Each structure stands twice: as C-alpha cells, then as structure tokens.
Amino acid sequence: MLAKRIIPTLLYRGTTLVKGQAFNSWRSVGHALQAAKIYATRGVDELVMLDIGATPSGHDPNYALIESLTADAFTPIAVGGGIRNLAQVRRLLTAGADKVVIGSSLRAIREAADAVGCQAVVAAIDYTDGKVFRQCGLEATGMDVEDMARLAEGEGAGEIMLTCIPREGTMEGYDLETIERVANAVSIPVIAHGGCGTYQHMKQAIDAGADAVAAGAMFQFTDQTPKGAAEYLKAQGVEVRV
C-alpha cells in the first residue's frame, strides 16, 4: 500500500505569501520563498506552490522563485498558476519543479502529459456545489466535478488536486462527499484540498478516498504541523511517512 501524503500548500502573489477564504486571498502572511524553505528543511512529503496572481493577470509563472527554492532543497515541489503552454511546463521543470499543476485546459494537460509524462502533471479541479470553475474560481464551466476528473485522467493527468472553493481557508473540514465521488470516478490519486483545520479532518478525507491531504491555513495559523499530522494519522492506522 502506498503511503498517504501530507502536503502543505502555499498561495502567493509575486513573492508574497497570501491567504484568505474562498479564493479571496487578500491577506499578506509573509514571504513565499522563506515559507517554502522552512517546509523543505522539515522534510515534508511534498509541497504545492500556487501563484494565484499569474492566471488572472496572464503572467508567466515566477521561474526565478522556483529556481531559488529548489537550488538547495530536495522536497518534491508541484507548481501551479499561469501555466498555459508546454514551453512554460518545460521551463518550470528545468527550474526545479517536480510537477506542474494545470487547471487552464484539458489540451494543456494532454500536451504536458505527452511531453513530460503523466507523473509530472497534476490536474487542478476547483469547484463550487459540484460544478467546476476555471481562472482561479472566476469562470464557471457548467461541468460536473466527476466528469471533469474523468476527462483529466483521460487526457493524461497523473493525479487530481480537488479544491472546494467555498471551504478554502475556512478550516471547517473537507467536502467529504465530493472527495468520495471523485475518488470512485477515477483510478489516479486524488489530493483533497480546501477546508482542512484539524488532523481529524485529514483522516476523514483519507477515509473518503483521498490519496493525499493538502492544507494551507491550518499549518499557517495554528500550531499543527505536517509532522504532527503524520504522527496522528499513523496512530490511527494510516500508512504515512513519519
């Protein structure tokens, strides 16, 4: 059995670490590079870095930031935000990213998967009330979450990062019902994201079918840690890396 992963997520705009609720990340909470390096030194399973300013503005990803982080860090890093074409994917991987997080289009997922391999491509699915939204939650697609997950898998995504927009940043718990539906709809790993506030929430998401649990606000605004999460989950009988 593969170990379940515990993944801190960092949202940033430019080089500033930001946080809020329901994709309204108005609050500056530090420096993105500094926070990422702290997690890297603690040996977390993986780190997800999402540039929430790149997609709405049409900017490229911040390649220099990723290069600075990965120069002396060995933690696997998945990078998202502003990815629209294969050239950007290649440049991020060259900068040191291990995976790219793509929510822009199914075509972009297919091109990336064909060129660099499914294992390096994470499909970001952001949703509200079971319906998928694009452009950082600004554009409704009308598509059901399960249908999008199946399509993303068919286009070559190696895993899915499933984010419940209304729960993001609230620390009130994951959307367990949707996690279960999506996990049953696909055969690739599902990363639960949006709403985690306690270690128990992580256990609930794993029980619902998540292969990894991601959290941002919980690790930034409470004394809970990825190591503490791993110890709790192990005590609950979950296979994790401690």
Foldseek 3Di string as FASTA:
>chain_A
DDFFFEEEEFEAEPQFTFADALLPTPGTQGGNLVVLLVVQVVPGQEYEYEHLHCLVVLHAPPLVSLLVNQVPGDHAYEYEHNDDADVSVVSNVVSPHQAYEDAADLVRLLVNCVPPNQVRYEYEFEDEPQFTADSSRPHTDRDGPQVVLVSSVVSRHQEYEYEYSRQARVLQAFPLVVLLSNLVSDDHAYETHGNRADLVSVVSNVVSRHRYYYDYNNVSPHVDDSVNSQVVVVVVVGRHDD
